Amino acid sequence: MTHKYSVMTVQITFFLARLAKGEPRAIECAGLEWVTRENLAKFQFPPADQRLISRLVDDPSFWE
C-alpha cells in the first residue's frame, strides 16, 4: 500500500499473522492490544494507515 504525504511517499507492507502459541508481547513498540474490528475506530492511526483500517472495519473476511 502506498501513501503520499506532502514531503514524501511511503510504501507500507502488511502481513496477516496468527498467534501460534503463548501470549503476545511488545518487543519494538510501546505496547500492543488485541481489539475487535468494531473497536478499531476508538484508536488514532496515521493517515497512511487509514485505507487499511477502513478495509479491516468494512470487510469481515479479513477476520476469518
PDB file of N, CA and C in Angstrom:
ATOM      1  N   MET A   1       0.846  -1.146   0.000  1.00  0.00           N
ATOM      2  CA  MET A   1       0.000   0.000   0.000  1.00  0.00           C
ATOM      3  C   MET A   1       0.908   1.231   0.000  1.00  0.00           C
ATOM      4  N   THR A   2       0.587   2.202  -0.816  1.00  0.00           N
ATOM      5  CA  THR A   2       1.374   3.430  -0.920  1.00  0.00           C
ATOM      6  C   THR A   2       0.550   4.605  -0.414  1.00  0.00           C
ATOM      7  N   HIS A   3       1.204   5.509   0.311  1.00  0.00           N
ATOM      8  CA  HIS A   3       0.550   6.733   0.777  1.00  0.00           C
ATOM      9  C   HIS A   3       1.475   7.909   0.490  1.00  0.00           C
ATOM     10  N   LYS A   4       0.899   8.964  -0.081  1.00  0.00           N
ATOM     11  CA  LYS A   4       1.697  10.157  -0.401  1.00  0.00           C
ATOM     12  C   LYS A   4       1.421  11.260   0.610  1.00  0.00           C
ATOM     13  N   TYR A   5       2.470  11.646   1.318  1.00  0.00           N
ATOM     14  CA  TYR A   5       2.439  12.824   2.173  1.00  0.00           C
ATOM     15  C   TYR A   5       2.943  13.994   1.336  1.00  0.00           C
ATOM     16  N   SER A   6       2.859  15.199   1.863  1.00  0.00           N
ATOM     17  CA  SER A   6       3.306  16.362   1.094  1.00  0.00           C
ATOM     18  C   SER A   6       4.819  16.349   0.851  1.00  0.00           C
ATOM     19  N   VAL A   7       5.586  15.736   1.747  1.00  0.00           N
ATOM     20  CA  VAL A   7       7.049  15.758   1.622  1.00  0.00           C
ATOM     21  C   VAL A   7       7.668  14.416   1.247  1.00  0.00           C
ATOM     22  N   MET A   8       6.853  13.349   1.233  1.00  0.00           N
ATOM     23  CA  MET A   8       7.404  12.034   0.902  1.00  0.00           C
ATOM     24  C   MET A   8       6.283  11.057   0.576  1.00  0.00           C
ATOM     25  N   THR A   9       6.673   9.955   0.004  1.00  0.00           N
ATOM     26  CA  THR A   9       5.759   8.849  -0.254  1.00  0.00           C
ATOM     27  C   THR A   9       6.265   7.642   0.516  1.00  0.00           C
ATOM     28  N   VAL A  10       5.343   6.948   1.186  1.00  0.00           N
ATOM     29  CA  VAL A  10       5.736   5.756   1.934  1.00  0.00           C
ATOM     30  C   VAL A  10       5.067   4.525   1.332  1.00  0.00           C
ATOM     31  N   GLN A  11       5.799   3.436   1.320  1.00  0.00           N
ATOM     32  CA  GLN A  11       5.281   2.138   0.880  1.00  0.00           C
ATOM     33  C   GLN A  11       5.160   1.278   2.129  1.00  0.00           C
ATOM     34  N   ILE A  12       3.960   0.799   2.420  1.00  0.00           N
ATOM     35  CA  ILE A  12       3.724   0.012   3.619  1.00  0.00           C
ATOM     36  C   ILE A  12       3.343  -1.406   3.205  1.00  0.00           C
ATOM     37  N   THR A  13       3.997  -2.378   3.802  1.00  0.00           N
ATOM     38  CA  THR A  13       3.676  -3.775   3.549  1.00  0.00           C
ATOM     39  C   THR A  13       3.054  -4.359   4.810  1.00  0.00           C
ATOM     40  N   PHE A  14       1.899  -4.970   4.659  1.00  0.00           N
ATOM     41  CA  PHE A  14       1.195  -5.567   5.789  1.00  0.00           C
ATOM     42  C   PHE A  14       1.260  -7.081   5.674  1.00  0.00           C
ATOM     43  N   PHE A  15       1.264  -7.738   6.816  1.00  0.00           N
ATOM     44  CA  PHE A  15       1.290  -9.195   6.860  1.00  0.00           C
ATOM     45  C   PHE A  15       0.137  -9.692   7.718  1.00  0.00           C
ATOM     46  N   LEU A  16      -0.530 -10.726   7.261  1.00  0.00           N
ATOM     47  CA  LEU A  16      -1.542 -11.384   8.071  1.00  0.00           C
ATOM     48  C   LEU A  16      -0.835 -12.447   8.893  1.00  0.00           C
ATOM     49  N   ALA A  17      -1.011 -12.404  10.192  1.00  0.00           N
ATOM     50  CA  ALA A  17      -0.339 -13.364  11.065  1.00  0.00           C
ATOM     51  C   ALA A  17      -1.318 -13.854  12.121  1.00  0.00           C
ATOM     52  N   ARG A  18      -1.099 -15.043  12.559  1.00  0.00           N
ATOM     53  CA  ARG A  18      -1.895 -15.611  13.643  1.00  0.00           C
ATOM     54  C   ARG A  18      -0.933 -16.057  14.744  1.00  0.00           C
ATOM     55  N   LEU A  19      -1.361 -15.871  15.974  1.00  0.00           N
ATOM     56  CA  LEU A  19      -0.552 -16.265  17.120  1.00  0.00           C
ATOM     57  C   LEU A  19      -0.612 -17.783  17.260  1.00  0.00           C
ATOM     58  N   ALA A  20       0.520 -18.440  17.161  1.00  0.00           N
ATOM     59  CA  ALA A  20       0.578 -19.901  17.228  1.00  0.00           C
ATOM     60  C   ALA A  20       0.442 -20.408  18.664  1.00  0.00           C
ATOM     61  N   LYS A  21       1.096 -19.728  19.588  1.00  0.00           N
ATOM     62  CA  LYS A  21       1.008 -20.139  20.988  1.00  0.00           C
ATOM     63  C   LYS A  21       1.514 -19.007  21.869  1.00  0.00           C
ATOM     64  N   GLY A  22       1.241 -19.112  23.144  1.00  0.00           N
ATOM     65  CA  GLY A  22       1.728 -18.126  24.096  1.00  0.00           C
ATOM     66  C   GLY A  22       0.936 -16.832  24.071  1.00  0.00           C
ATOM     67  N   GLU A  23       1.484 -15.835  24.698  1.00  0.00           N
ATOM     68  CA  GLU A  23       0.870 -14.512  24.775  1.00  0.00           C
ATOM     69  C   GLU A  23       1.703 -13.526  23.971  1.00  0.00           C
ATOM     70  N   PRO A  24       1.047 -12.616  23.248  1.00  0.00           N
ATOM     71  CA  PRO A  24       1.816 -11.610  22.509  1.00  0.00           C
ATOM     72  C   PRO A  24       2.500 -10.652  23.482  1.00  0.00           C
ATOM     73  N   ARG A  25       3.640 -10.110  23.045  1.00  0.00           N
ATOM     74  CA  ARG A  25       4.329  -9.120  23.868  1.00  0.00           C
ATOM     75  C   ARG A  25       4.955  -8.073  22.955  1.00  0.00           C
ATOM     76  N   ALA A  26       4.997  -6.861  23.444  1.00  0.00           N
ATOM     77  CA  ALA A  26       5.591  -5.758  22.686  1.00  0.00           C
ATOM     78  C   ALA A  26       7.105  -5.897  22.733  1.00  0.00           C
ATOM     79  N   ILE A  27       7.750  -5.896  21.576  1.00  0.00           N
ATOM     80  CA  ILE A  27       9.207  -6.015  21.529  1.00  0.00           C
ATOM     81  C   ILE A  27       9.832  -4.696  21.079  1.00  0.00           C
ATOM     82  N   GLU A  28       9.394  -4.170  19.950  1.00  0.00           N
ATOM     83  CA  GLU A  28       9.968  -2.928  19.431  1.00  0.00           C
ATOM     84  C   GLU A  28       8.924  -1.825  19.344  1.00  0.00           C
ATOM     85  N   CYS A  29       7.975  -1.841  20.274  1.00  0.00           N
ATOM     86  CA  CYS A  29       6.959  -0.786  20.318  1.00  0.00           C
ATOM     87  C   CYS A  29       6.569  -0.582  21.777  1.00  0.00           C
ATOM     88  N   ALA A  30       5.835   0.488  22.024  1.00  0.00           N
ATOM     89  CA  ALA A  30       5.475   0.828  23.392  1.00  0.00           C
ATOM     90  C   ALA A  30       4.481  -0.160  23.989  1.00  0.00           C
ATOM     91  N   GLY A  31       3.669  -0.780  23.146  1.00  0.00           N
ATOM     92  CA  GLY A  31       2.671  -1.704  23.660  1.00  0.00           C
ATOM     93  C   GLY A  31       1.847  -2.276  22.532  1.00  0.00           C
ATOM     94  N   LEU A  32       0.960  -3.167  22.886  1.00  0.00           N
ATOM     95  CA  LEU A  32       0.060  -3.722  21.890  1.00  0.00           C
ATOM     96  C   LEU A  32      -1.252  -4.058  22.557  1.00  0.00           C
ATOM     97  N   GLU A  33      -2.280  -4.186  21.748  1.00  0.00           N
ATOM     98  CA  GLU A  33      -3.596  -4.504  22.269  1.00  0.00           C
ATOM     99  C   GLU A  33      -4.370  -5.247  21.193  1.00  0.00           C
ATOM    100  N   TRP A  34      -4.985  -6.368  21.540  1.00  0.00           N
ATOM    101  CA  TRP A  34      -5.860  -7.086  20.618  1.00  0.00           C
ATOM    102  C   TRP A  34      -7.221  -6.416  20.683  1.00  0.00           C
ATOM    103  N   VAL A  35      -7.780  -6.073  19.540  1.00  0.00           N
ATOM    104  CA  VAL A  35      -9.092  -5.428  19.504  1.00  0.00           C
ATOM    105  C   VAL A  35      -9.951  -6.061  18.415  1.00  0.00           C
ATOM    106  N   THR A  36     -11.249  -5.884  18.549  1.00  0.00           N
ATOM    107  CA  THR A  36     -12.172  -6.320  17.511  1.00  0.00           C
ATOM    108  C   THR A  36     -12.264  -5.236  16.451  1.00  0.00           C
ATOM    109  N   ARG A  37     -12.784  -5.590  15.301  1.00  0.00           N
ATOM    110  CA  ARG A  37     -12.891  -4.582  14.240  1.00  0.00           C
ATOM    111  C   ARG A  37     -13.806  -3.439  14.652  1.00  0.00           C
ATOM    112  N   GLU A  38     -14.818  -3.723  15.480  1.00  0.00           N
ATOM    113  CA  GLU A  38     -15.718  -2.665  15.941  1.00  0.00           C
ATOM    114  C   GLU A  38     -14.988  -1.645  16.809  1.00  0.00           C
ATOM    115  N   ASN A  39     -13.916  -2.047  17.455  1.00  0.00           N
ATOM    116  CA  ASN A  39     -13.182  -1.148  18.353  1.00  0.00           C
ATOM    117  C   ASN A  39     -12.038  -0.397  17.686  1.00  0.00           C
ATOM    118  N   LEU A  40     -11.738  -0.700  16.432  1.00  0.00           N
ATOM    119  CA  LEU A  40     -10.634  -0.010  15.750  1.00  0.00           C
ATOM    120  C   LEU A  40     -10.861   1.499  15.667  1.00  0.00           C
ATOM    121  N   ALA A  41     -12.108   1.918  15.547  1.00  0.00           N
ATOM    122  CA  ALA A  41     -12.414   3.346  15.420  1.00  0.00           C
ATOM    123  C   ALA A  41     -12.063   4.130  16.685  1.00  0.00           C
ATOM    124  N   LYS A  42     -11.851   3.456  17.788  1.00  0.00           N
ATOM    125  CA  LYS A  42     -11.516   4.127  19.046  1.00  0.00           C
ATOM    126  C   LYS A  42     -10.057   4.574  19.106  1.00  0.00           C
ATOM    127  N   PHE A  43      -9.250   4.139  18.134  1.00  0.00           N
ATOM    128  CA  PHE A  43      -7.819   4.428  18.142  1.00  0.00           C
ATOM    129  C   PHE A  43      -7.454   5.408  17.038  1.00  0.00           C
ATOM    130  N   GLN A  44      -6.387   6.165  17.259  1.00  0.00           N
ATOM    131  CA  GLN A  44      -5.886   7.082  16.238  1.00  0.00           C
ATOM    132  C   GLN A  44      -4.792   6.385  15.448  1.00  0.00           C
ATOM    133  N   PHE A  45      -4.891   6.470  14.129  1.00  0.00           N
ATOM    134  CA  PHE A  45      -3.903   5.875  13.241  1.00  0.00           C
ATOM    135  C   PHE A  45      -3.347   6.949  12.323  1.00  0.00           C
ATOM    136  N   PRO A  46      -2.109   6.813  11.878  1.00  0.00           N
ATOM    137  CA  PRO A  46      -1.540   7.772  10.930  1.00  0.00           C
ATOM    138  C   PRO A  46      -2.324   7.748   9.620  1.00  0.00           C
ATOM    139  N   PRO A  47      -2.291   8.844   8.873  1.00  0.00           N
ATOM    140  CA  PRO A  47      -3.002   8.905   7.590  1.00  0.00           C
ATOM    141  C   PRO A  47      -2.658   7.748   6.650  1.00  0.00           C
ATOM    142  N   ALA A  48      -1.420   7.300   6.671  1.00  0.00           N
ATOM    143  CA  ALA A  48      -1.011   6.218   5.773  1.00  0.00           C
ATOM    144  C   ALA A  48      -1.727   4.908   6.090  1.00  0.00           C
ATOM    145  N   ASP A  49      -2.231   4.746   7.300  1.00  0.00           N
ATOM    146  CA  ASP A  49      -2.907   3.506   7.694  1.00  0.00           C
ATOM    147  C   ASP A  49      -4.418   3.529   7.454  1.00  0.00           C
ATOM    148  N   GLN A  50      -4.977   4.690   7.150  1.00  0.00           N
ATOM    149  CA  GLN A  50      -6.430   4.828   7.090  1.00  0.00           C
ATOM    150  C   GLN A  50      -7.099   3.895   6.082  1.00  0.00           C
ATOM    151  N   ARG A  51      -6.505   3.710   4.928  1.00  0.00           N
ATOM    152  CA  ARG A  51      -7.115   2.851   3.910  1.00  0.00           C
ATOM    153  C   ARG A  51      -7.203   1.405   4.405  1.00  0.00           C
ATOM    154  N   LEU A  52      -6.153   0.915   5.033  1.00  0.00           N
ATOM    155  CA  LEU A  52      -6.178  -0.443   5.574  1.00  0.00           C
ATOM    156  C   LEU A  52      -7.183  -0.552   6.718  1.00  0.00           C
ATOM    157  N   ILE A  53      -7.194   0.399   7.618  1.00  0.00           N
ATOM    158  CA  ILE A  53      -8.123   0.358   8.749  1.00  0.00           C
ATOM    159  C   ILE A  53      -9.559   0.318   8.239  1.00  0.00           C
ATOM    160  N   SER A  54      -9.873   1.105   7.226  1.00  0.00           N
ATOM    161  CA  SER A  54     -11.219   1.091   6.643  1.00  0.00           C
ATOM    162  C   SER A  54     -11.571  -0.289   6.104  1.00  0.00           C
ATOM    163  N   ARG A  55     -10.634  -0.927   5.431  1.00  0.00           N
ATOM    164  CA  ARG A  55     -10.890  -2.276   4.896  1.00  0.00           C
ATOM    165  C   ARG A  55     -11.081  -3.282   6.024  1.00  0.00           C
ATOM    166  N   LEU A  56     -10.296  -3.169   7.076  1.00  0.00           N
ATOM    167  CA  LEU A  56     -10.444  -4.080   8.206  1.00  0.00           C
ATOM    168  C   LEU A  56     -11.813  -3.936   8.864  1.00  0.00           C
ATOM    169  N   VAL A  57     -12.289  -2.703   8.972  1.00  0.00           N
ATOM    170  CA  VAL A  57     -13.586  -2.452   9.595  1.00  0.00           C
ATOM    171  C   VAL A  57     -14.726  -2.907   8.686  1.00  0.00           C
ATOM    172  N   ASP A  58     -14.618  -2.633   7.393  1.00  0.00           N
ATOM    173  CA  ASP A  58     -15.730  -2.871   6.467  1.00  0.00           C
ATOM    174  C   ASP A  58     -15.793  -4.273   5.879  1.00  0.00           C
ATOM    175  N   ASP A  59     -14.708  -5.026   5.898  1.00  0.00           N
ATOM    176  CA  ASP A  59     -14.669  -6.333   5.238  1.00  0.00           C
ATOM    177  C   ASP A  59     -14.424  -7.441   6.260  1.00  0.00           C
ATOM    178  N   PRO A  60     -15.481  -8.142   6.674  1.00  0.00           N
ATOM    179  CA  PRO A  60     -15.319  -9.180   7.696  1.00  0.00           C
ATOM    180  C   PRO A  60     -14.419 -10.342   7.274  1.00  0.00           C
ATOM    181  N   SER A  61     -14.178 -10.514   5.984  1.00  0.00           N
ATOM    182  CA  SER A  61     -13.332 -11.630   5.543  1.00  0.00           C
ATOM    183  C   SER A  61     -11.888 -11.488   6.040  1.00  0.00           C
ATOM    184  N   PHE A  62     -11.453 -10.272   6.388  1.00  0.00           N
ATOM    185  CA  PHE A  62     -10.114 -10.089   6.952  1.00  0.00           C
ATOM    186  C   PHE A  62      -9.979 -10.788   8.299  1.00  0.00           C
ATOM    187  N   TRP A  63     -11.077 -10.993   8.983  1.00  0.00           N
ATOM    188  CA  TRP A  63     -11.058 -11.515  10.347  1.00  0.00           C
ATOM    189  C   TRP A  63     -11.326 -13.017  10.406  1.00  0.00           C
ATOM    190  N   GLU A  64     -11.478 -13.657   9.275  1.00  0.00           N
ATOM    191  CA  GLU A  64     -11.787 -15.097   9.276  1.00  0.00           C
ATOM    192  C   GLU A  64     -10.535 -15.922   9.340  1.00  0.00           C
TER     193      GLU A  64
END
